[in-house]
Amino acid sequence: MSNPIYKGVGSPVVRLIEECAELQKALCKVQRFGWTNYNPVNGPDRTNLIEVKEEIDDVLEACDLLLVHIQELLDAGTLHSEF
């Protein structure tokens, strides 16, 4: 899950790339250890299923932020609508 203190840090593109990487890592853990397994450091309440769900939420949020950024660039005439 994204730490709120870093909400405005980094470009929207970099944030989406990072969130996608974190989702990939969580999905790899599922493939290796299963949905109901968990990292002993986090405890049994933080299963891989919960980790994947939270990473998906983070990816969707990062997508939304990137879409807003792209629309702002389009509205400002910085980009053409065909890119």
C-alpha atoms as a PDB file:
ATOM      1  CA  MET A   1       0.000   0.000   0.000  1.00  0.00           C
ATOM      2  CA  SER A   2       1.270   3.456  -0.836  1.00  0.00           C
ATOM      3  CA  ASN A   3       2.525   5.508   2.062  1.00  0.00           C
ATOM      4  CA  PRO A   4       0.529   8.778   2.171  1.00  0.00           C
ATOM      5  CA  ILE A   5       3.636  10.851   2.922  1.00  0.00           C
ATOM      6  CA  TYR A   6       4.925  10.026  -0.578  1.00  0.00           C
ATOM      7  CA  LYS A   7       1.647  10.821  -2.371  1.00  0.00           C
ATOM      8  CA  GLY A   8       3.045  13.775  -4.339  1.00  0.00           C
ATOM      9  CA  VAL A   9       6.551  12.412  -4.912  1.00  0.00           C
ATOM     10  CA  GLY A  10       7.615  11.374  -8.404  1.00  0.00           C
ATOM     11  CA  SER A  11       6.028  11.783 -11.793  1.00  0.00           C
ATOM     12  CA  PRO A  12       2.755   9.987 -12.559  1.00  0.00           C
ATOM     13  CA  VAL A  13       4.586   7.759 -15.057  1.00  0.00           C
ATOM     14  CA  VAL A  14       7.233   6.665 -12.556  1.00  0.00           C
ATOM     15  CA  ARG A  15       4.602   6.067  -9.893  1.00  0.00           C
ATOM     16  CA  LEU A  16       2.619   3.793 -12.226  1.00  0.00           C
ATOM     17  CA  ILE A  17       5.757   1.882 -13.207  1.00  0.00           C
ATOM     18  CA  GLU A  18       6.633   1.375  -9.536  1.00  0.00           C
ATOM     19  CA  GLU A  19       3.122   0.256  -8.590  1.00  0.00           C
ATOM     20  CA  CYS A  20       3.039  -2.210 -11.500  1.00  0.00           C
ATOM     21  CA  ALA A  21       6.357  -3.656 -10.322  1.00  0.00           C
ATOM     22  CA  GLU A  22       4.972  -4.089  -6.809  1.00  0.00           C
ATOM     23  CA  LEU A  23       1.907  -5.864  -8.220  1.00  0.00           C
ATOM     24  CA  GLN A  24       4.138  -8.159 -10.258  1.00  0.00           C
ATOM     25  CA  LYS A  25       6.117  -9.030  -7.145  1.00  0.00           C
ATOM     26  CA  ALA A  26       2.946  -9.792  -5.168  1.00  0.00           C
ATOM     27  CA  LEU A  27       1.612 -11.986  -7.992  1.00  0.00           C
ATOM     28  CA  CYS A  28       4.914 -13.882  -8.155  1.00  0.00           C
ATOM     29  CA  LYS A  29       4.567 -14.594  -4.430  1.00  0.00           C
ATOM     30  CA  VAL A  30       1.115 -16.046  -5.124  1.00  0.00           C
ATOM     31  CA  GLN A  31       2.511 -18.298  -7.844  1.00  0.00           C
ATOM     32  CA  ARG A  32       5.318 -19.512  -5.578  1.00  0.00           C
ATOM     33  CA  PHE A  33       3.509 -19.822  -2.260  1.00  0.00           C
ATOM     34  CA  GLY A  34      -0.259 -19.608  -2.888  1.00  0.00           C
ATOM     35  CA  TRP A  35      -3.044 -17.127  -2.178  1.00  0.00           C
ATOM     36  CA  THR A  36      -3.469 -17.957   1.497  1.00  0.00           C
ATOM     37  CA  ASN A  37       0.206 -17.989   2.444  1.00  0.00           C
ATOM     38  CA  TYR A  38       1.769 -14.949   4.093  1.00  0.00           C
ATOM     39  CA  ASN A  39       5.086 -13.353   4.890  1.00  0.00           C
ATOM     40  CA  PRO A  40       5.992 -14.312   8.481  1.00  0.00           C
ATOM     41  CA  VAL A  41       7.169 -10.747   9.109  1.00  0.00           C
ATOM     42  CA  ASN A  42       3.666  -9.414   8.312  1.00  0.00           C
ATOM     43  CA  GLY A  43       1.745 -12.152  10.100  1.00  0.00           C
ATOM     44  CA  PRO A  44      -1.153 -14.404   9.049  1.00  0.00           C
ATOM     45  CA  ASP A  45      -3.622 -11.515   8.751  1.00  0.00           C
ATOM     46  CA  ARG A  46      -1.722 -10.217   5.675  1.00  0.00           C
ATOM     47  CA  THR A  47      -2.159 -13.061   3.200  1.00  0.00           C
ATOM     48  CA  ASN A  48      -0.878 -12.914  -0.346  1.00  0.00           C
ATOM     49  CA  LEU A  49      -4.496 -12.406  -1.435  1.00  0.00           C
ATOM     50  CA  ILE A  50      -4.721  -9.212   0.612  1.00  0.00           C
ATOM     51  CA  GLU A  51      -1.323  -8.049  -0.660  1.00  0.00           C
ATOM     52  CA  VAL A  52      -2.400  -8.529  -4.305  1.00  0.00           C
ATOM     53  CA  LYS A  53      -5.720  -6.749  -3.714  1.00  0.00           C
ATOM     54  CA  GLU A  54      -3.951  -3.763  -2.183  1.00  0.00           C
ATOM     55  CA  GLU A  55      -1.390  -3.630  -4.989  1.00  0.00           C
ATOM     56  CA  ILE A  56      -4.195  -3.698  -7.571  1.00  0.00           C
ATOM     57  CA  ASP A  57      -5.831  -0.776  -5.748  1.00  0.00           C
ATOM     58  CA  ASP A  58      -2.514   1.100  -5.866  1.00  0.00           C
ATOM     59  CA  VAL A  59      -2.099   0.400  -9.601  1.00  0.00           C
ATOM     60  CA  LEU A  60      -5.625   1.643 -10.309  1.00  0.00           C
ATOM     61  CA  GLU A  61      -4.983   4.806  -8.298  1.00  0.00           C
ATOM     62  CA  ALA A  62      -1.721   5.392 -10.187  1.00  0.00           C
ATOM     63  CA  CYS A  63      -3.555   4.862 -13.504  1.00  0.00           C
ATOM     64  CA  ASP A  64      -6.140   7.445 -12.502  1.00  0.00           C
ATOM     65  CA  LEU A  65      -3.418   9.943 -11.598  1.00  0.00           C
ATOM     66  CA  LEU A  66      -1.656   9.378 -14.914  1.00  0.00           C
ATOM     67  CA  LEU A  67      -4.914   9.825 -16.813  1.00  0.00           C
ATOM     68  CA  VAL A  68      -5.526  13.127 -15.019  1.00  0.00           C
ATOM     69  CA  HIS A  69      -1.988  14.241 -15.863  1.00  0.00           C
ATOM     70  CA  ILE A  70      -2.417  13.289 -19.518  1.00  0.00           C
ATOM     71  CA  GLN A  71      -5.731  15.130 -19.711  1.00  0.00           C
ATOM     72  CA  GLU A  72      -4.116  18.228 -18.174  1.00  0.00           C
ATOM     73  CA  LEU A  73      -1.402  18.105 -20.843  1.00  0.00           C
ATOM     74  CA  LEU A  74      -4.007  17.716 -23.578  1.00  0.00           C
ATOM     75  CA  ASP A  75      -6.104  20.580 -22.188  1.00  0.00           C
ATOM     76  CA  ALA A  76      -3.045  22.811 -22.037  1.00  0.00           C
ATOM     77  CA  GLY A  77      -2.254  22.028 -25.670  1.00  0.00           C
ATOM     78  CA  THR A  78       1.059  20.489 -24.661  1.00  0.00           C
ATOM     79  CA  LEU A  79       0.255  17.224 -26.430  1.00  0.00           C
ATOM     80  CA  HIS A  80      -1.754  16.299 -29.442  1.00  0.00           C
ATOM     81  CA  SER A  81      -4.681  13.989 -28.883  1.00  0.00           C
ATOM     82  CA  GLU A  82      -2.941  11.388 -31.058  1.00  0.00           C
ATOM     83  CA  PHE A  83       0.038  10.144 -29.073  1.00  0.00           C
END
